[in-house]
Amino acid sequence: MYNFLQWLGKGGVAFSVLVFFCILYVIIKNYNSRYNLILFSTLIAVSVFAVAVLFINIDTRSAISEFIFRDTAKLRTCQYNCKVISEALAMYACDNNGDYPPSLFELPGKYMKIKYIPTCPAVERDTYSSSYTYSNPPDRGQAYTFFCSGWNHRKKAGKNYPQFTSREGLRVK
C-alpha cells in the first residue's frame, strides 16, 4: 500500500486522472445521450471525493505517525541522557576513590563533553538533578539513583521514568 501511495505522489495521480477520463469518455459514448450529463456529473463528483479522501488519509496518517515517533524519539533521547550521566558518575567515582559526587552539577566539563547537565527533550529542561540521590557508606557499597522527574514520558514510560540506578542500570517500564 505504501508503494502505491509513493507512486501516486510521483505523478501517478495525473496518470490515474487521465485514464479515468478516457474510460469516462468511452462510457459516455456508449450510453444514451439523455443520461450523459447525469452520468458525467456523478462520476466527476465521485472522483473528486475519492481524491480528497486520499489526500486527507495521507495527511492524517503522516501526522499520527510523526506524533507517535516523536514521543518514542524523545524517550530514547532521555534514556541516552541517563546513560551519559551514569558514565560521567562512573568516571567521577574512579577519580575519587569510589565516592559519588554530592550533586550532578560537578560532572559537566571534566566528566562530560558538554558544559551542562543534559535536558529532557520532552520538557527541554534538566529533570535529572533534582532526583539524584547517592550514598557513600564503605560498609554497604556505593550507590546512586536518578530519574527523569515528572510525567514527561507518560504515554511510553510512566511517571519518573526512565530511571537509572548504579546496581540495576537503566530501568524503563
C-alpha atoms as a PDB file:
ATOM      1  CA  MET A   1       0.000   0.000   0.000  1.00  0.00           C
ATOM      2  CA  TYR A   2       2.840   2.386   0.834  1.00  0.00           C
ATOM      3  CA  ASN A   3       4.454   1.855  -2.585  1.00  0.00           C
ATOM      4  CA  PHE A   4       1.141   2.709  -4.231  1.00  0.00           C
ATOM      5  CA  LEU A   5       0.947   5.950  -2.233  1.00  0.00           C
ATOM      6  CA  GLN A   6       4.529   6.804  -3.219  1.00  0.00           C
ATOM      7  CA  TRP A   7       3.634   6.163  -6.856  1.00  0.00           C
ATOM      8  CA  LEU A   8       0.626   8.462  -6.540  1.00  0.00           C
ATOM      9  CA  GLY A   9       2.846  11.173  -5.116  1.00  0.00           C
ATOM     10  CA  LYS A  10       5.302  10.917  -8.026  1.00  0.00           C
ATOM     11  CA  GLY A  11       2.885  11.706 -10.852  1.00  0.00           C
ATOM     12  CA  GLY A  12       0.638   8.695 -10.562  1.00  0.00           C
ATOM     13  CA  VAL A  13      -2.319  10.959  -9.760  1.00  0.00           C
ATOM     14  CA  ALA A  14      -2.078  12.713 -13.131  1.00  0.00           C
ATOM     15  CA  PHE A  15      -1.847   9.391 -14.958  1.00  0.00           C
ATOM     16  CA  SER A  16      -4.778   7.962 -12.980  1.00  0.00           C
ATOM     17  CA  VAL A  17      -6.926  11.008 -13.790  1.00  0.00           C
ATOM     18  CA  LEU A  18      -6.054  10.696 -17.490  1.00  0.00           C
ATOM     19  CA  VAL A  19      -7.039   7.019 -17.536  1.00  0.00           C
ATOM     20  CA  PHE A  20     -10.222   7.839 -15.627  1.00  0.00           C
ATOM     21  CA  PHE A  21     -11.281  10.434 -18.204  1.00  0.00           C
ATOM     22  CA  CYS A  22     -10.522   8.066 -21.086  1.00  0.00           C
ATOM     23  CA  ILE A  23     -12.750   5.419 -19.521  1.00  0.00           C
ATOM     24  CA  LEU A  24     -15.375   8.069 -18.824  1.00  0.00           C
ATOM     25  CA  TYR A  25     -15.320   9.150 -22.489  1.00  0.00           C
ATOM     26  CA  VAL A  26     -15.865   5.572 -23.658  1.00  0.00           C
ATOM     27  CA  ILE A  27     -18.753   5.109 -21.230  1.00  0.00           C
ATOM     28  CA  ILE A  28     -20.412   8.334 -22.322  1.00  0.00           C
ATOM     29  CA  LYS A  29     -20.118   7.423 -25.999  1.00  0.00           C
ATOM     30  CA  ASN A  30     -21.869   4.083 -25.389  1.00  0.00           C
ATOM     31  CA  TYR A  31     -24.767   5.425 -23.310  1.00  0.00           C
ATOM     32  CA  ASN A  32     -27.904   7.206 -24.352  1.00  0.00           C
ATOM     33  CA  SER A  33     -27.455  10.972 -24.696  1.00  0.00           C
ATOM     34  CA  ARG A  34     -30.093  11.920 -22.088  1.00  0.00           C
ATOM     35  CA  TYR A  35     -28.123  10.111 -19.345  1.00  0.00           C
ATOM     36  CA  ASN A  36     -24.737  11.564 -20.336  1.00  0.00           C
ATOM     37  CA  LEU A  37     -24.966  14.684 -18.198  1.00  0.00           C
ATOM     38  CA  ILE A  38     -26.133  12.803 -15.103  1.00  0.00           C
ATOM     39  CA  LEU A  39     -23.507  10.081 -15.523  1.00  0.00           C
ATOM     40  CA  PHE A  40     -20.728  12.559 -16.199  1.00  0.00           C
ATOM     41  CA  SER A  41     -21.554  14.774 -13.218  1.00  0.00           C
ATOM     42  CA  THR A  42     -21.878  11.765 -10.899  1.00  0.00           C
ATOM     43  CA  LEU A  43     -18.514  10.338 -11.942  1.00  0.00           C
ATOM     44  CA  ILE A  44     -16.819  13.712 -11.556  1.00  0.00           C
ATOM     45  CA  ALA A  45     -18.258  14.137  -8.042  1.00  0.00           C
ATOM     46  CA  VAL A  46     -17.172  10.624  -7.031  1.00  0.00           C
ATOM     47  CA  SER A  47     -13.657  11.142  -8.418  1.00  0.00           C
ATOM     48  CA  VAL A  48     -13.211  14.493  -6.642  1.00  0.00           C
ATOM     49  CA  PHE A  49     -14.423  12.927  -3.407  1.00  0.00           C
ATOM     50  CA  ALA A  50     -12.054   9.944  -3.830  1.00  0.00           C
ATOM     51  CA  VAL A  51      -9.034  12.180  -4.451  1.00  0.00           C
ATOM     52  CA  ALA A  52      -9.930  14.365  -1.442  1.00  0.00           C
ATOM     53  CA  VAL A  53     -10.256  11.305   0.813  1.00  0.00           C
ATOM     54  CA  LEU A  54      -6.924  10.001  -0.479  1.00  0.00           C
ATOM     55  CA  PHE A  55      -5.096  13.221   0.387  1.00  0.00           C
ATOM     56  CA  ILE A  56      -6.816  13.566   3.770  1.00  0.00           C
ATOM     57  CA  ASN A  57      -5.881   9.961   4.553  1.00  0.00           C
ATOM     58  CA  ILE A  58      -2.216  10.556   3.638  1.00  0.00           C
ATOM     59  CA  ASP A  59      -2.014  13.746   5.745  1.00  0.00           C
ATOM     60  CA  THR A  60      -3.715  12.133   8.745  1.00  0.00           C
ATOM     61  CA  ARG A  61      -1.516   9.056   8.613  1.00  0.00           C
ATOM     62  CA  SER A  62       1.682  11.081   8.421  1.00  0.00           C
ATOM     63  CA  ALA A  63       0.592  13.353  11.278  1.00  0.00           C
ATOM     64  CA  ILE A  64      -0.279  10.405  13.524  1.00  0.00           C
ATOM     65  CA  SER A  65       2.955   8.552  12.771  1.00  0.00           C
ATOM     66  CA  GLU A  66       5.003  11.717  13.318  1.00  0.00           C
ATOM     67  CA  PHE A  67       3.336  12.207  16.716  1.00  0.00           C
ATOM     68  CA  ILE A  68       3.982   8.584  17.743  1.00  0.00           C
ATOM     69  CA  PHE A  69       7.586   8.551  16.540  1.00  0.00           C
ATOM     70  CA  ARG A  70       8.305  11.927  18.118  1.00  0.00           C
ATOM     71  CA  ASP A  71       7.306  10.617  21.573  1.00  0.00           C
ATOM     72  CA  THR A  72       9.428   7.499  21.072  1.00  0.00           C
ATOM     73  CA  ALA A  73      12.404   9.564  19.952  1.00  0.00           C
ATOM     74  CA  LYS A  74      12.127  11.828  23.000  1.00  0.00           C
ATOM     75  CA  LEU A  75      12.025   8.809  25.313  1.00  0.00           C
ATOM     76  CA  ARG A  76      15.066   7.246  23.607  1.00  0.00           C
ATOM     77  CA  THR A  77      16.971  10.535  23.887  1.00  0.00           C
ATOM     78  CA  CYS A  78      16.081  10.742  27.579  1.00  0.00           C
ATOM     79  CA  GLN A  79      17.359   7.170  28.060  1.00  0.00           C
ATOM     80  CA  TYR A  80      20.585   8.122  26.285  1.00  0.00           C
ATOM     81  CA  ASN A  81      20.946  11.152  28.587  1.00  0.00           C
ATOM     82  CA  CYS A  82      20.639   8.808  31.586  1.00  0.00           C
ATOM     83  CA  LYS A  83      23.433   6.641  30.206  1.00  0.00           C
ATOM     84  CA  VAL A  84      25.657   9.676  29.603  1.00  0.00           C
ATOM     85  CA  ILE A  85      25.141  10.869  33.176  1.00  0.00           C
ATOM     86  CA  SER A  86      25.825   7.382  34.571  1.00  0.00           C
ATOM     87  CA  GLU A  87      29.080   7.127  32.614  1.00  0.00           C
ATOM     88  CA  ALA A  88      30.136  10.515  33.990  1.00  0.00           C
ATOM     89  CA  LEU A  89      29.272   9.327  37.513  1.00  0.00           C
ATOM     90  CA  ALA A  90      31.403   6.209  36.996  1.00  0.00           C
ATOM     91  CA  MET A  91      34.370   8.337  35.834  1.00  0.00           C
ATOM     92  CA  TYR A  92      33.930  10.641  38.836  1.00  0.00           C
ATOM     93  CA  ALA A  93      33.908   7.629  41.178  1.00  0.00           C
ATOM     94  CA  CYS A  94      37.123   6.289  39.601  1.00  0.00           C
ATOM     95  CA  ASP A  95      38.868   9.612  40.218  1.00  0.00           C
ATOM     96  CA  ASN A  96      37.545   9.961  43.806  1.00  0.00           C
ATOM     97  CA  ASN A  97      38.193   6.601  45.473  1.00  0.00           C
ATOM     98  CA  GLY A  98      34.768   5.194  44.621  1.00  0.00           C
ATOM     99  CA  ASP A  99      32.760   8.087  46.041  1.00  0.00           C
ATOM    100  CA  TYR A 100      29.984   9.713  44.027  1.00  0.00           C
ATOM    101  CA  PRO A 101      29.510  13.487  43.815  1.00  0.00           C
ATOM    102  CA  PRO A 102      27.026  15.182  46.124  1.00  0.00           C
ATOM    103  CA  SER A 103      25.447  16.877  43.088  1.00  0.00           C
ATOM    104  CA  LEU A 104      25.239  16.213  39.364  1.00  0.00           C
ATOM    105  CA  PHE A 105      26.447  19.766  38.759  1.00  0.00           C
ATOM    106  CA  GLU A 106      30.020  18.634  39.468  1.00  0.00           C
ATOM    107  CA  LEU A 107      30.047  16.436  36.345  1.00  0.00           C
ATOM    108  CA  PRO A 108      29.830  18.799  33.344  1.00  0.00           C
ATOM    109  CA  GLY A 109      33.107  19.933  31.876  1.00  0.00           C
ATOM    110  CA  LYS A 110      35.553  17.437  33.335  1.00  0.00           C
ATOM    111  CA  TYR A 111      33.494  14.236  33.124  1.00  0.00           C
ATOM    112  CA  MET A 112      31.084  15.185  30.344  1.00  0.00           C
ATOM    113  CA  LYS A 113      31.890  16.687  26.967  1.00  0.00           C
ATOM    114  CA  ILE A 114      29.043  19.140  27.319  1.00  0.00           C
ATOM    115  CA  LYS A 115      29.197  22.021  29.799  1.00  0.00           C
ATOM    116  CA  TYR A 116      25.795  21.431  31.369  1.00  0.00           C
ATOM    117  CA  ILE A 117      23.539  18.630  32.629  1.00  0.00           C
ATOM    118  CA  PRO A 118      21.595  17.146  29.674  1.00  0.00           C
ATOM    119  CA  THR A 119      17.989  18.247  29.357  1.00  0.00           C
ATOM    120  CA  CYS A 120      14.972  16.014  28.885  1.00  0.00           C
ATOM    121  CA  PRO A 121      13.764  16.595  25.309  1.00  0.00           C
ATOM    122  CA  ALA A 122      10.112  16.281  26.357  1.00  0.00           C
ATOM    123  CA  VAL A 123      10.232  19.379  28.611  1.00  0.00           C
ATOM    124  CA  GLU A 124      13.549  20.914  27.460  1.00  0.00           C
ATOM    125  CA  ARG A 125      14.987  21.381  30.967  1.00  0.00           C
ATOM    126  CA  ASP A 126      17.102  19.463  33.451  1.00  0.00           C
ATOM    127  CA  THR A 127      14.866  16.882  35.122  1.00  0.00           C
ATOM    128  CA  TYR A 128      17.625  14.622  36.454  1.00  0.00           C
ATOM    129  CA  SER A 129      19.445  16.755  39.054  1.00  0.00           C
ATOM    130  CA  SER A 130      16.501  17.107  41.420  1.00  0.00           C
ATOM    131  CA  SER A 131      16.046  13.335  41.639  1.00  0.00           C
ATOM    132  CA  TYR A 132      19.711  12.415  42.137  1.00  0.00           C
ATOM    133  CA  THR A 133      20.425  10.573  45.388  1.00  0.00           C
ATOM    134  CA  TYR A 134      23.636   8.856  46.412  1.00  0.00           C
ATOM    135  CA  SER A 135      25.205   7.013  49.293  1.00  0.00           C
ATOM    136  CA  ASN A 136      28.877   6.560  50.034  1.00  0.00           C
ATOM    137  CA  PRO A 137      28.968   4.245  53.046  1.00  0.00           C
ATOM    138  CA  PRO A 138      32.009   1.971  52.900  1.00  0.00           C
ATOM    139  CA  ASP A 139      30.260  -0.957  54.566  1.00  0.00           C
ATOM    140  CA  ARG A 140      27.271  -1.335  52.183  1.00  0.00           C
ATOM    141  CA  GLY A 141      28.905  -0.174  48.981  1.00  0.00           C
ATOM    142  CA  GLN A 142      28.363   2.972  46.990  1.00  0.00           C
ATOM    143  CA  ALA A 143      25.100   3.531  45.141  1.00  0.00           C
ATOM    144  CA  TYR A 144      23.213   6.228  43.266  1.00  0.00           C
ATOM    145  CA  THR A 145      19.815   6.681  41.658  1.00  0.00           C
ATOM    146  CA  PHE A 146      18.346   9.346  39.415  1.00  0.00           C
ATOM    147  CA  PHE A 147      15.424   9.592  37.015  1.00  0.00           C
ATOM    148  CA  CYS A 148      13.558  11.902  34.689  1.00  0.00           C
ATOM    149  CA  SER A 149      11.263  13.687  37.156  1.00  0.00           C
ATOM    150  CA  GLY A 150       7.585  14.042  36.353  1.00  0.00           C
ATOM    151  CA  TRP A 151       5.118  12.739  33.790  1.00  0.00           C
ATOM    152  CA  ASN A 152       7.301  13.697  30.814  1.00  0.00           C
ATOM    153  CA  HIS A 153       7.006  10.311  29.098  1.00  0.00           C
ATOM    154  CA  ARG A 154       3.604   9.246  30.404  1.00  0.00           C
ATOM    155  CA  LYS A 155       2.499   7.575  27.167  1.00  0.00           C
ATOM    156  CA  LYS A 156       5.581   5.401  26.838  1.00  0.00           C
ATOM    157  CA  ALA A 157       7.142   5.001  30.284  1.00  0.00           C
ATOM    158  CA  GLY A 158       5.110   6.480  33.132  1.00  0.00           C
ATOM    159  CA  LYS A 159       5.850   8.851  35.985  1.00  0.00           C
ATOM    160  CA  ASN A 160       9.531   9.297  36.937  1.00  0.00           C
ATOM    161  CA  TYR A 161      10.832   7.115  34.131  1.00  0.00           C
ATOM    162  CA  PRO A 162      13.342   6.373  32.716  1.00  0.00           C
ATOM    163  CA  GLN A 163      15.310   5.627  35.866  1.00  0.00           C
ATOM    164  CA  PHE A 164      18.960   4.752  36.294  1.00  0.00           C
ATOM    165  CA  THR A 165      20.472   3.029  39.319  1.00  0.00           C
ATOM    166  CA  SER A 166      24.080   2.026  39.862  1.00  0.00           C
ATOM    167  CA  ARG A 167      23.060  -1.530  40.697  1.00  0.00           C
ATOM    168  CA  GLU A 168      20.343  -2.181  38.077  1.00  0.00           C
ATOM    169  CA  GLY A 169      21.265   0.183  35.264  1.00  0.00           C
ATOM    170  CA  LEU A 170      18.594   1.711  33.027  1.00  0.00           C
ATOM    171  CA  ARG A 171      15.014   0.922  34.031  1.00  0.00           C
ATOM    172  CA  VAL A 172      12.039   1.613  31.771  1.00  0.00           C
ATOM    173  CA  LYS A 173       8.510   0.426  32.442  1.00  0.00           C
END
